[in-house]
Amino acid sequence: MKIYLPCWLVICVLLYGLALPAFAADDAEAGALPTIYPIAIFSFKERGAGVTDYGVKISDILTGLLSANPDLLLVDRVEMDKMLAELHLSAAGVGNPAEAVKVGQLTGARLIITGSVFTAGKSLYIIAKVIGTETTRVVAETARGAENEDIGNLTEKLAEQISQRIAKDVATLVPAVVQPRDAVANLNKKLGDAARPAVSISINERQIGQPTIDPAAQTEMEFYCKETGFTVVENSIGVKPVPIKIVGEGMSEFAARFGDLVSMRARLEVKAINPETDEVIAVDRQTVIVVDMTEQIAGKNALQQAAAMIAERMLPKLVAKPDEKK
């Protein structure tokens, strides 16, 4: 006997599986939850006559199907309206991958679903685009029916196609999560046997509206420096100046709320300076959004991730090249 699953259940199961590639073995042993991908669904653009109000209906149906799974985070419509106003962007413009990046930065959404609906001849078409906000990669699916076909049935068909396509192409749409131990190993390989200078690290951090408990970005930068062989010196009075000073400013602020979870946006700016000449050896910056249970944890994690990304790019610029060794 064949068993038929409801469309919404198929979608939820497949999309929940998107989190599994980012589920590290160490985290699994510790009983941690898999990574969750926030999704923003925008109204589909109506093209031509005969499809009035279809765009909103399509997005509402898709939202209902996906929100049936409590492990999926859908960006609230009110928050999206605020975000679009901040960007001075219409919902129709979200289909541009460049604009999708801005949407992801503001809302924390890692995937955006948008598209268009129109009639051609005696057929009704719904074309959906799924955009990765970090990779700007786009995949598309099309549902076709009779001109007078029920829009709900056609949207359910499209939803199944979307879920299957995302499950298939998640590695293309969303960048793989690199664990710290792997990032350190890759960085050590890139540094090779180059001499690592001593460094001091001073990064000021603040979380808007919340007290700063401890320096997440500075701690992460110190971790990467120590793990890759740099000598880290404390910034104390009377200590002999080190060859390189790493200084920076970091801040985190509330971005959006998803039920019991919140997303925090953090920006970190870092410079590496030669204290003897005041020469700026390297400069970098990074913006990150993280979703977690509390603002404090999400903000700290966002600053931590930003520091890790900057360390991976900056530290290779601080070591002596082979022909510069004495």
C-alpha atoms as a PDB file:
ATOM      1  CA  MET A   1       0.000   0.000   0.000  1.00  0.00           C
ATOM      2  CA  LYS A   2       1.406   3.394  -0.981  1.00  0.00           C
ATOM      3  CA  ILE A   3       1.580   6.122   1.651  1.00  0.00           C
ATOM      4  CA  TYR A   4       1.072   9.710   0.507  1.00  0.00           C
ATOM      5  CA  LEU A   5       2.504  12.481   2.674  1.00  0.00           C
ATOM      6  CA  PRO A   6       0.891  15.928   2.771  1.00  0.00           C
ATOM      7  CA  CYS A   7       2.729  18.506   0.688  1.00  0.00           C
ATOM      8  CA  TRP A   8       3.614  20.646   3.711  1.00  0.00           C
ATOM      9  CA  LEU A   9       5.166  17.679   5.481  1.00  0.00           C
ATOM     10  CA  VAL A  10       7.349  16.831   2.480  1.00  0.00           C
ATOM     11  CA  ILE A  11       8.566  20.427   2.327  1.00  0.00           C
ATOM     12  CA  CYS A  12       9.302  20.625   6.041  1.00  0.00           C
ATOM     13  CA  VAL A  13      11.234  17.345   6.094  1.00  0.00           C
ATOM     14  CA  LEU A  14      13.317  18.279   3.076  1.00  0.00           C
ATOM     15  CA  LEU A  15      14.061  21.806   4.239  1.00  0.00           C
ATOM     16  CA  TYR A  16      14.899  20.617   7.750  1.00  0.00           C
ATOM     17  CA  GLY A  17      17.503  18.404   6.086  1.00  0.00           C
ATOM     18  CA  LEU A  18      19.219  21.523   4.778  1.00  0.00           C
ATOM     19  CA  ALA A  19      20.721  21.997   8.213  1.00  0.00           C
ATOM     20  CA  LEU A  20      22.445  18.637   8.295  1.00  0.00           C
ATOM     21  CA  PRO A  21      25.525  19.484   6.157  1.00  0.00           C
ATOM     22  CA  ALA A  22      26.434  22.202   8.669  1.00  0.00           C
ATOM     23  CA  PHE A  23      25.973  19.878  11.650  1.00  0.00           C
ATOM     24  CA  ALA A  24      29.519  19.199  12.874  1.00  0.00           C
ATOM     25  CA  ALA A  25      30.371  15.822  14.398  1.00  0.00           C
ATOM     26  CA  ASP A  26      31.601  17.391  17.634  1.00  0.00           C
ATOM     27  CA  ASP A  27      28.362  19.341  17.971  1.00  0.00           C
ATOM     28  CA  ALA A  28      26.322  16.222  17.333  1.00  0.00           C
ATOM     29  CA  GLU A  29      28.073  14.375  20.123  1.00  0.00           C
ATOM     30  CA  ALA A  30      27.351  17.299  22.442  1.00  0.00           C
ATOM     31  CA  GLY A  31      23.659  17.178  21.549  1.00  0.00           C
ATOM     32  CA  ALA A  32      23.642  20.589  19.868  1.00  0.00           C
ATOM     33  CA  LEU A  33      20.879  21.599  17.484  1.00  0.00           C
ATOM     34  CA  PRO A  34      21.585  21.715  13.740  1.00  0.00           C
ATOM     35  CA  THR A  35      22.056  25.043  11.997  1.00  0.00           C
ATOM     36  CA  ILE A  36      18.782  26.717  11.037  1.00  0.00           C
ATOM     37  CA  TYR A  37      18.437  28.719   7.845  1.00  0.00           C
ATOM     38  CA  PRO A  38      16.167  31.790   8.132  1.00  0.00           C
ATOM     39  CA  ILE A  39      14.038  32.233   5.005  1.00  0.00           C
ATOM     40  CA  ALA A  40      12.409  35.388   3.643  1.00  0.00           C
ATOM     41  CA  ILE A  41       9.455  34.967   1.289  1.00  0.00           C
ATOM     42  CA  PHE A  42       8.392  37.974  -0.777  1.00  0.00           C
ATOM     43  CA  SER A  43       5.226  38.610  -2.743  1.00  0.00           C
ATOM     44  CA  PHE A  44       5.414  37.311  -6.300  1.00  0.00           C
ATOM     45  CA  LYS A  45       5.268  39.957  -9.001  1.00  0.00           C
ATOM     46  CA  GLU A  46       2.080  39.966 -11.081  1.00  0.00           C
ATOM     47  CA  ARG A  47       2.740  40.356 -14.793  1.00  0.00           C
ATOM     48  CA  GLY A  48      -0.134  41.144 -17.125  1.00  0.00           C
ATOM     49  CA  ALA A  49      -3.891  40.915 -16.811  1.00  0.00           C
ATOM     50  CA  GLY A  50      -5.813  38.099 -15.142  1.00  0.00           C
ATOM     51  CA  VAL A  51      -3.449  37.563 -12.203  1.00  0.00           C
ATOM     52  CA  THR A  52      -4.525  40.383  -9.877  1.00  0.00           C
ATOM     53  CA  ASP A  53      -3.858  39.529  -6.193  1.00  0.00           C
ATOM     54  CA  TYR A  54      -2.178  36.256  -7.162  1.00  0.00           C
ATOM     55  CA  GLY A  55       1.256  37.413  -6.024  1.00  0.00           C
ATOM     56  CA  VAL A  56       0.246  37.935  -2.397  1.00  0.00           C
ATOM     57  CA  LYS A  57      -1.737  34.688  -2.337  1.00  0.00           C
ATOM     58  CA  ILE A  58       1.221  32.679  -3.622  1.00  0.00           C
ATOM     59  CA  SER A  59       3.599  34.070  -1.012  1.00  0.00           C
ATOM     60  CA  ASP A  60       1.012  33.557   1.746  1.00  0.00           C
ATOM     61  CA  ILE A  61       0.519  29.912   0.787  1.00  0.00           C
ATOM     62  CA  LEU A  62       4.254  29.275   0.654  1.00  0.00           C
ATOM     63  CA  THR A  63       4.671  30.954   4.032  1.00  0.00           C
ATOM     64  CA  GLY A  64       1.972  28.745   5.524  1.00  0.00           C
ATOM     65  CA  LEU A  65       3.575  25.597   4.171  1.00  0.00           C
ATOM     66  CA  LEU A  66       7.055  26.405   5.423  1.00  0.00           C
ATOM     67  CA  SER A  67       6.014  27.815   8.791  1.00  0.00           C
ATOM     68  CA  ALA A  68       4.411  24.472   9.679  1.00  0.00           C
ATOM     69  CA  ASN A  69       7.883  23.331  10.729  1.00  0.00           C
ATOM     70  CA  PRO A  70       8.944  25.006  14.021  1.00  0.00           C
ATOM     71  CA  ASP A  71      12.604  24.374  13.172  1.00  0.00           C
ATOM     72  CA  LEU A  72      12.420  26.760  10.213  1.00  0.00           C
ATOM     73  CA  LEU A  73      12.674  30.501  10.722  1.00  0.00           C
ATOM     74  CA  LEU A  74      10.631  32.733   8.453  1.00  0.00           C
ATOM     75  CA  VAL A  75      11.352  36.429   8.590  1.00  0.00           C
ATOM     76  CA  ASP A  76       8.230  38.275   9.750  1.00  0.00           C
ATOM     77  CA  ARG A  77       6.401  40.281   7.070  1.00  0.00           C
ATOM     78  CA  VAL A  78       6.401  43.400   9.244  1.00  0.00           C
ATOM     79  CA  GLU A  79      10.179  43.145   9.641  1.00  0.00           C
ATOM     80  CA  MET A  80      10.553  42.709   5.878  1.00  0.00           C
ATOM     81  CA  ASP A  81       8.480  45.817   5.217  1.00  0.00           C
ATOM     82  CA  LYS A  82      10.728  47.787   7.585  1.00  0.00           C
ATOM     83  CA  MET A  83      13.785  46.381   5.872  1.00  0.00           C
ATOM     84  CA  LEU A  84      12.527  47.254   2.382  1.00  0.00           C
ATOM     85  CA  ALA A  85      11.768  50.790   3.539  1.00  0.00           C
ATOM     86  CA  GLU A  86      15.297  51.062   4.954  1.00  0.00           C
ATOM     87  CA  LEU A  87      16.746  49.932   1.618  1.00  0.00           C
ATOM     88  CA  HIS A  88      14.320  52.087  -0.380  1.00  0.00           C
ATOM     89  CA  LEU A  89      13.632  48.896  -2.303  1.00  0.00           C
ATOM     90  CA  SER A  90      10.388  47.485  -3.674  1.00  0.00           C
ATOM     91  CA  ALA A  91       9.516  43.825  -3.233  1.00  0.00           C
ATOM     92  CA  ALA A  92       9.982  43.389  -6.985  1.00  0.00           C
ATOM     93  CA  GLY A  93      13.620  44.480  -6.699  1.00  0.00           C
ATOM     94  CA  VAL A  94      14.500  41.675  -4.293  1.00  0.00           C
ATOM     95  CA  GLY A  95      14.910  39.305  -7.236  1.00  0.00           C
ATOM     96  CA  ASN A  96      18.213  40.999  -8.011  1.00  0.00           C
ATOM     97  CA  PRO A  97      20.967  38.899  -6.338  1.00  0.00           C
ATOM     98  CA  ALA A  98      22.897  42.056  -5.409  1.00  0.00           C
ATOM     99  CA  GLU A  99      19.881  43.391  -3.521  1.00  0.00           C
ATOM    100  CA  ALA A 100      19.295  39.957  -1.970  1.00  0.00           C
ATOM    101  CA  VAL A 101      22.673  40.302  -0.251  1.00  0.00           C
ATOM    102  CA  LYS A 102      21.445  43.500   1.426  1.00  0.00           C
ATOM    103  CA  VAL A 103      18.267  41.728   2.516  1.00  0.00           C
ATOM    104  CA  GLY A 104      20.329  38.974   4.101  1.00  0.00           C
ATOM    105  CA  GLN A 105      22.551  41.461   5.896  1.00  0.00           C
ATOM    106  CA  LEU A 106      19.557  43.258   7.394  1.00  0.00           C
ATOM    107  CA  THR A 107      17.313  40.318   8.306  1.00  0.00           C
ATOM    108  CA  GLY A 108      19.663  37.370   8.707  1.00  0.00           C
ATOM    109  CA  ALA A 109      17.838  35.462   5.946  1.00  0.00           C
ATOM    110  CA  ARG A 110      20.129  33.002   4.199  1.00  0.00           C
ATOM    111  CA  LEU A 111      17.582  32.100   1.535  1.00  0.00           C
ATOM    112  CA  ILE A 112      15.082  34.307  -0.291  1.00  0.00           C
ATOM    113  CA  ILE A 113      12.111  33.010  -2.242  1.00  0.00           C
ATOM    114  CA  THR A 114      10.506  35.331  -4.777  1.00  0.00           C
ATOM    115  CA  GLY A 115       9.251  35.207  -8.334  1.00  0.00           C
ATOM    116  CA  SER A 116       6.461  36.130 -10.722  1.00  0.00           C
ATOM    117  CA  VAL A 117       3.053  34.938 -11.945  1.00  0.00           C
ATOM    118  CA  PHE A 118       1.550  35.504 -15.395  1.00  0.00           C
ATOM    119  CA  THR A 119      -0.599  34.010 -18.132  1.00  0.00           C
ATOM    120  CA  ALA A 120       0.589  33.055 -21.598  1.00  0.00           C
ATOM    121  CA  GLY A 121      -1.946  31.819 -24.096  1.00  0.00           C
ATOM    122  CA  LYS A 122      -4.295  29.567 -22.145  1.00  0.00           C
ATOM    123  CA  SER A 123      -1.709  28.670 -19.496  1.00  0.00           C
ATOM    124  CA  LEU A 124      -0.939  30.081 -16.061  1.00  0.00           C
ATOM    125  CA  TYR A 125       2.713  30.182 -15.009  1.00  0.00           C
ATOM    126  CA  ILE A 126       4.337  30.671 -11.622  1.00  0.00           C
ATOM    127  CA  ILE A 127       8.108  31.073 -11.733  1.00  0.00           C
ATOM    128  CA  ALA A 128       9.947  30.968  -8.413  1.00  0.00           C
ATOM    129  CA  LYS A 129      13.533  32.003  -7.733  1.00  0.00           C
ATOM    130  CA  VAL A 130      15.464  30.817  -4.694  1.00  0.00           C
ATOM    131  CA  ILE A 131      18.438  33.075  -3.938  1.00  0.00           C
ATOM    132  CA  GLY A 132      21.288  32.416  -1.531  1.00  0.00           C
ATOM    133  CA  THR A 133      21.948  35.736   0.193  1.00  0.00           C
ATOM    134  CA  GLU A 134      25.588  34.854   0.935  1.00  0.00           C
ATOM    135  CA  THR A 135      26.503  33.224  -2.380  1.00  0.00           C
ATOM    136  CA  THR A 136      24.112  35.198  -4.669  1.00  0.00           C
ATOM    137  CA  ARG A 137      23.490  31.882  -6.439  1.00  0.00           C
ATOM    138  CA  VAL A 138      20.024  31.507  -7.971  1.00  0.00           C
ATOM    139  CA  VAL A 139      17.948  28.445  -8.822  1.00  0.00           C
ATOM    140  CA  ALA A 140      14.492  28.545 -10.406  1.00  0.00           C
ATOM    141  CA  GLU A 141      11.414  26.361 -10.629  1.00  0.00           C
ATOM    142  CA  THR A 142       8.283  26.725 -12.766  1.00  0.00           C
ATOM    143  CA  ALA A 143       4.732  25.491 -12.209  1.00  0.00           C
ATOM    144  CA  ARG A 144       2.385  25.522 -15.187  1.00  0.00           C
ATOM    145  CA  GLY A 145      -1.364  24.975 -15.257  1.00  0.00           C
ATOM    146  CA  ALA A 146      -4.489  25.886 -17.145  1.00  0.00           C
ATOM    147  CA  GLU A 147      -5.398  29.570 -17.249  1.00  0.00           C
ATOM    148  CA  ASN A 148      -8.309  28.958 -14.860  1.00  0.00           C
ATOM    149  CA  GLU A 149      -6.511  26.494 -12.583  1.00  0.00           C
ATOM    150  CA  ASP A 150      -6.851  26.949  -8.834  1.00  0.00           C
ATOM    151  CA  ILE A 151      -3.915  29.062  -7.664  1.00  0.00           C
ATOM    152  CA  GLY A 152      -3.694  27.129  -4.379  1.00  0.00           C
ATOM    153  CA  ASN A 153      -3.208  23.767  -6.069  1.00  0.00           C
ATOM    154  CA  LEU A 154      -0.643  25.186  -8.471  1.00  0.00           C
ATOM    155  CA  THR A 155       1.280  26.811  -5.617  1.00  0.00           C
ATOM    156  CA  GLU A 156       1.369  23.529  -3.665  1.00  0.00           C
ATOM    157  CA  LYS A 157       2.843  21.871  -6.729  1.00  0.00           C
ATOM    158  CA  LEU A 158       5.445  24.612  -6.979  1.00  0.00           C
ATOM    159  CA  ALA A 159       6.240  24.303  -3.271  1.00  0.00           C
ATOM    160  CA  GLU A 160       7.126  20.642  -3.701  1.00  0.00           C
ATOM    161  CA  GLN A 161       9.413  21.513  -6.608  1.00  0.00           C
ATOM    162  CA  ILE A 162      11.072  24.291  -4.595  1.00  0.00           C
ATOM    163  CA  SER A 163      11.696  22.037  -1.611  1.00  0.00           C
ATOM    164  CA  GLN A 164      13.245  19.329  -3.761  1.00  0.00           C
ATOM    165  CA  ARG A 165      15.419  21.833  -5.614  1.00  0.00           C
ATOM    166  CA  ILE A 166      16.701  23.438  -2.410  1.00  0.00           C
ATOM    167  CA  ALA A 167      17.482  20.049  -0.892  1.00  0.00           C
ATOM    168  CA  LYS A 168      19.421  19.170  -4.028  1.00  0.00           C
ATOM    169  CA  ASP A 169      21.326  22.466  -4.391  1.00  0.00           C
ATOM    170  CA  VAL A 170      21.810  23.567  -0.773  1.00  0.00           C
ATOM    171  CA  ALA A 171      25.586  23.248  -1.092  1.00  0.00           C
ATOM    172  CA  THR A 172      25.459  25.752  -3.957  1.00  0.00           C
ATOM    173  CA  LEU A 173      23.006  28.155  -2.340  1.00  0.00           C
ATOM    174  CA  VAL A 174      24.486  28.265   1.166  1.00  0.00           C
ATOM    175  CA  PRO A 175      28.234  28.256   1.914  1.00  0.00           C
ATOM    176  CA  ALA A 176      29.527  25.328   3.919  1.00  0.00           C
ATOM    177  CA  VAL A 177      30.227  25.892   7.603  1.00  0.00           C
ATOM    178  CA  VAL A 178      33.946  25.609   8.396  1.00  0.00           C
ATOM    179  CA  GLN A 179      34.699  24.444  11.923  1.00  0.00           C
ATOM    180  CA  PRO A 180      37.364  26.401  13.903  1.00  0.00           C
ATOM    181  CA  ARG A 181      39.813  23.485  13.958  1.00  0.00           C
ATOM    182  CA  ASP A 182      39.599  23.204  10.162  1.00  0.00           C
ATOM    183  CA  ALA A 183      39.958  26.973   9.718  1.00  0.00           C
ATOM    184  CA  VAL A 184      43.078  26.965  11.914  1.00  0.00           C
ATOM    185  CA  ALA A 185      44.532  24.028   9.977  1.00  0.00           C
ATOM    186  CA  ASN A 186      43.887  25.770   6.666  1.00  0.00           C
ATOM    187  CA  LEU A 187      45.423  28.979   7.970  1.00  0.00           C
ATOM    188  CA  ASN A 188      48.548  27.208   9.245  1.00  0.00           C
ATOM    189  CA  LYS A 189      48.914  25.590   5.831  1.00  0.00           C
ATOM    190  CA  LYS A 190      48.668  28.991   4.161  1.00  0.00           C
ATOM    191  CA  LEU A 191      51.227  30.510   6.559  1.00  0.00           C
ATOM    192  CA  GLY A 192      53.651  27.662   5.999  1.00  0.00           C
ATOM    193  CA  ASP A 193      57.027  28.085   7.698  1.00  0.00           C
ATOM    194  CA  ALA A 194      57.006  31.884   7.570  1.00  0.00           C
ATOM    195  CA  ALA A 195      58.187  33.585  10.769  1.00  0.00           C
ATOM    196  CA  ARG A 196      55.343  34.706  13.027  1.00  0.00           C
ATOM    197  CA  PRO A 197      55.949  38.059  14.743  1.00  0.00           C
ATOM    198  CA  ALA A 198      54.797  38.952  18.251  1.00  0.00           C
ATOM    199  CA  VAL A 199      51.522  40.851  18.364  1.00  0.00           C
ATOM    200  CA  SER A 200      49.408  42.759  20.856  1.00  0.00           C
ATOM    201  CA  ILE A 201      45.650  42.825  20.410  1.00  0.00           C
ATOM    202  CA  SER A 202      43.228  45.518  21.547  1.00  0.00           C
ATOM    203  CA  ILE A 203      39.684  45.472  20.172  1.00  0.00           C
ATOM    204  CA  ASN A 204      37.001  47.642  21.749  1.00  0.00           C
ATOM    205  CA  GLU A 205      33.506  46.162  21.614  1.00  0.00           C
ATOM    206  CA  ARG A 206      30.019  47.257  22.529  1.00  0.00           C
ATOM    207  CA  GLN A 207      26.552  45.816  22.203  1.00  0.00           C
ATOM    208  CA  ILE A 208      23.961  48.526  21.642  1.00  0.00           C
ATOM    209  CA  GLY A 209      21.365  48.438  24.414  1.00  0.00           C
ATOM    210  CA  GLN A 210      23.189  45.715  26.348  1.00  0.00           C
ATOM    211  CA  PRO A 211      26.192  45.679  28.711  1.00  0.00           C
ATOM    212  CA  THR A 212      29.452  44.322  27.307  1.00  0.00           C
ATOM    213  CA  ILE A 213      30.393  41.278  29.382  1.00  0.00           C
ATOM    214  CA  ASP A 214      33.661  40.219  27.797  1.00  0.00           C
ATOM    215  CA  PRO A 215      35.535  40.898  24.524  1.00  0.00           C
ATOM    216  CA  ALA A 216      34.364  38.191  22.117  1.00  0.00           C
ATOM    217  CA  ALA A 217      36.189  39.554  19.054  1.00  0.00           C
ATOM    218  CA  GLN A 218      39.471  40.096  20.899  1.00  0.00           C
ATOM    219  CA  THR A 219      39.326  36.623  22.438  1.00  0.00           C
ATOM    220  CA  GLU A 220      38.740  35.072  19.017  1.00  0.00           C
ATOM    221  CA  MET A 221      41.586  37.026  17.431  1.00  0.00           C
ATOM    222  CA  GLU A 222      43.898  35.937  20.261  1.00  0.00           C
ATOM    223  CA  PHE A 223      42.787  32.333  19.748  1.00  0.00           C
ATOM    224  CA  TYR A 224      43.656  32.385  16.043  1.00  0.00           C
ATOM    225  CA  CYS A 225      47.002  34.086  16.670  1.00  0.00           C
ATOM    226  CA  LYS A 226      48.022  31.603  19.388  1.00  0.00           C
ATOM    227  CA  GLU A 227      46.851  28.549  17.416  1.00  0.00           C
ATOM    228  CA  THR A 228      48.845  29.610  14.370  1.00  0.00           C
ATOM    229  CA  GLY A 229      52.108  30.283  16.206  1.00  0.00           C
ATOM    230  CA  PHE A 230      52.057  34.033  16.832  1.00  0.00           C
ATOM    231  CA  THR A 231      53.296  35.279  20.205  1.00  0.00           C
ATOM    232  CA  VAL A 232      50.489  37.262  21.845  1.00  0.00           C
ATOM    233  CA  VAL A 233      51.643  39.968  24.259  1.00  0.00           C
ATOM    234  CA  GLU A 234      49.369  41.698  26.756  1.00  0.00           C
ATOM    235  CA  ASN A 235      48.880  45.461  26.411  1.00  0.00           C
ATOM    236  CA  SER A 236      50.512  46.411  29.722  1.00  0.00           C
ATOM    237  CA  ILE A 237      52.398  49.545  30.768  1.00  0.00           C
ATOM    238  CA  GLY A 238      56.124  49.078  30.687  1.00  0.00           C
ATOM    239  CA  VAL A 239      56.090  46.210  28.209  1.00  0.00           C
ATOM    240  CA  LYS A 240      58.512  46.570  25.313  1.00  0.00           C
ATOM    241  CA  PRO A 241      56.667  47.527  22.078  1.00  0.00           C
ATOM    242  CA  VAL A 242      55.803  44.542  19.911  1.00  0.00           C
ATOM    243  CA  PRO A 243      56.440  44.415  16.155  1.00  0.00           C
ATOM    244  CA  ILE A 244      52.711  44.550  15.342  1.00  0.00           C
ATOM    245  CA  LYS A 245      49.704  46.030  17.126  1.00  0.00           C
ATOM    246  CA  ILE A 246      46.284  44.710  16.152  1.00  0.00           C
ATOM    247  CA  VAL A 247      43.584  47.234  17.052  1.00  0.00           C
ATOM    248  CA  GLY A 248      39.928  47.446  16.224  1.00  0.00           C
ATOM    249  CA  GLU A 249      36.356  48.472  16.971  1.00  0.00           C
ATOM    250  CA  GLY A 250      33.361  46.170  17.082  1.00  0.00           C
ATOM    251  CA  MET A 251      29.664  46.648  17.702  1.00  0.00           C
ATOM    252  CA  SER A 252      26.528  44.508  17.631  1.00  0.00           C
ATOM    253  CA  GLU A 253      22.868  45.507  17.505  1.00  0.00           C
ATOM    254  CA  PHE A 254      19.427  43.937  17.297  1.00  0.00           C
ATOM    255  CA  ALA A 255      18.370  43.020  13.737  1.00  0.00           C
ATOM    256  CA  ALA A 256      15.101  41.048  13.911  1.00  0.00           C
ATOM    257  CA  ARG A 257      13.037  38.652  16.019  1.00  0.00           C
ATOM    258  CA  PHE A 258      11.793  35.198  15.002  1.00  0.00           C
ATOM    259  CA  GLY A 259       9.391  34.003  17.699  1.00  0.00           C
ATOM    260  CA  ASP A 260      11.585  33.049  20.666  1.00  0.00           C
ATOM    261  CA  LEU A 261      14.799  33.658  18.712  1.00  0.00           C
ATOM    262  CA  VAL A 262      16.552  36.894  17.809  1.00  0.00           C
ATOM    263  CA  SER A 263      19.078  37.866  15.176  1.00  0.00           C
ATOM    264  CA  MET A 264      21.922  40.252  15.965  1.00  0.00           C
ATOM    265  CA  ARG A 265      24.001  42.128  13.417  1.00  0.00           C
ATOM    266  CA  ALA A 266      27.655  42.830  14.204  1.00  0.00           C
ATOM    267  CA  ARG A 267      30.302  44.866  12.415  1.00  0.00           C
ATOM    268  CA  LEU A 268      34.003  44.622  13.169  1.00  0.00           C
ATOM    269  CA  GLU A 269      36.838  46.792  11.835  1.00  0.00           C
ATOM    270  CA  VAL A 270      40.472  45.815  12.470  1.00  0.00           C
ATOM    271  CA  LYS A 271      43.888  47.288  11.649  1.00  0.00           C
ATOM    272  CA  ALA A 272      47.401  45.895  12.010  1.00  0.00           C
ATOM    273  CA  ILE A 273      49.944  48.649  12.716  1.00  0.00           C
ATOM    274  CA  ASN A 274      53.723  48.844  13.005  1.00  0.00           C
ATOM    275  CA  PRO A 275      54.073  50.862  16.280  1.00  0.00           C
ATOM    276  CA  GLU A 276      57.562  52.110  15.409  1.00  0.00           C
ATOM    277  CA  THR A 277      56.553  53.719  12.104  1.00  0.00           C
ATOM    278  CA  ASP A 278      52.754  53.949  12.550  1.00  0.00           C
ATOM    279  CA  GLU A 279      52.478  52.213   9.181  1.00  0.00           C
ATOM    280  CA  VAL A 280      49.163  50.428   8.620  1.00  0.00           C
ATOM    281  CA  ILE A 281      50.188  46.966   7.498  1.00  0.00           C
ATOM    282  CA  ALA A 282      46.701  45.570   6.935  1.00  0.00           C
ATOM    283  CA  VAL A 283      43.102  46.669   7.402  1.00  0.00           C
ATOM    284  CA  ASP A 284      39.880  44.669   7.163  1.00  0.00           C
ATOM    285  CA  ARG A 285      36.205  44.744   8.137  1.00  0.00           C
ATOM    286  CA  GLN A 286      33.345  42.270   8.350  1.00  0.00           C
ATOM    287  CA  THR A 287      29.581  42.337   8.956  1.00  0.00           C
ATOM    288  CA  VAL A 288      27.859  39.208  10.295  1.00  0.00           C
ATOM    289  CA  ILE A 289      24.326  38.292  11.402  1.00  0.00           C
ATOM    290  CA  VAL A 290      23.711  35.472  13.894  1.00  0.00           C
ATOM    291  CA  VAL A 291      20.452  33.967  15.192  1.00  0.00           C
ATOM    292  CA  ASP A 292      20.292  32.649  18.769  1.00  0.00           C
ATOM    293  CA  MET A 293      18.121  32.449  21.883  1.00  0.00           C
ATOM    294  CA  THR A 294      19.289  35.704  23.513  1.00  0.00           C
ATOM    295  CA  GLU A 295      20.632  39.036  22.320  1.00  0.00           C
ATOM    296  CA  GLN A 296      23.801  38.695  24.407  1.00  0.00           C
ATOM    297  CA  ILE A 297      24.763  35.304  22.979  1.00  0.00           C
ATOM    298  CA  ALA A 298      23.794  36.178  19.409  1.00  0.00           C
ATOM    299  CA  GLY A 299      25.734  39.454  19.582  1.00  0.00           C
ATOM    300  CA  LYS A 300      28.846  37.804  21.015  1.00  0.00           C
ATOM    301  CA  ASN A 301      28.694  34.992  18.457  1.00  0.00           C
ATOM    302  CA  ALA A 302      28.353  37.496  15.626  1.00  0.00           C
ATOM    303  CA  LEU A 303      31.450  39.409  16.777  1.00  0.00           C
ATOM    304  CA  GLN A 304      33.300  36.131  17.261  1.00  0.00           C
ATOM    305  CA  GLN A 305      32.500  34.991  13.728  1.00  0.00           C
ATOM    306  CA  ALA A 306      33.496  38.355  12.292  1.00  0.00           C
ATOM    307  CA  ALA A 307      36.852  38.176  14.105  1.00  0.00           C
ATOM    308  CA  ALA A 308      37.486  34.653  12.812  1.00  0.00           C
ATOM    309  CA  MET A 309      36.817  35.735   9.225  1.00  0.00           C
ATOM    310  CA  ILE A 310      39.137  38.726   9.537  1.00  0.00           C
ATOM    311  CA  ALA A 311      41.875  36.635  11.185  1.00  0.00           C
ATOM    312  CA  GLU A 312      41.838  34.173   8.289  1.00  0.00           C
ATOM    313  CA  ARG A 313      42.386  37.001   5.811  1.00  0.00           C
ATOM    314  CA  MET A 314      44.670  39.257   7.852  1.00  0.00           C
ATOM    315  CA  LEU A 315      47.205  36.967   9.540  1.00  0.00           C
ATOM    316  CA  PRO A 316      48.861  35.851   6.274  1.00  0.00           C
ATOM    317  CA  LYS A 317      49.617  39.539   5.617  1.00  0.00           C
ATOM    318  CA  LEU A 318      51.543  39.858   8.884  1.00  0.00           C
ATOM    319  CA  VAL A 319      54.183  37.182   8.379  1.00  0.00           C
ATOM    320  CA  ALA A 320      57.567  37.673   6.728  1.00  0.00           C
ATOM    321  CA  LYS A 321      57.856  36.419   3.182  1.00  0.00           C
ATOM    322  CA  PRO A 322      60.534  33.734   2.548  1.00  0.00           C
ATOM    323  CA  ASP A 323      62.851  36.226   0.824  1.00  0.00           C
ATOM    324  CA  GLU A 324      62.513  38.661   3.760  1.00  0.00           C
ATOM    325  CA  LYS A 325      63.832  36.227   6.375  1.00  0.00           C
ATOM    326  CA  LYS A 326      67.211  37.035   7.869  1.00  0.00           C
END
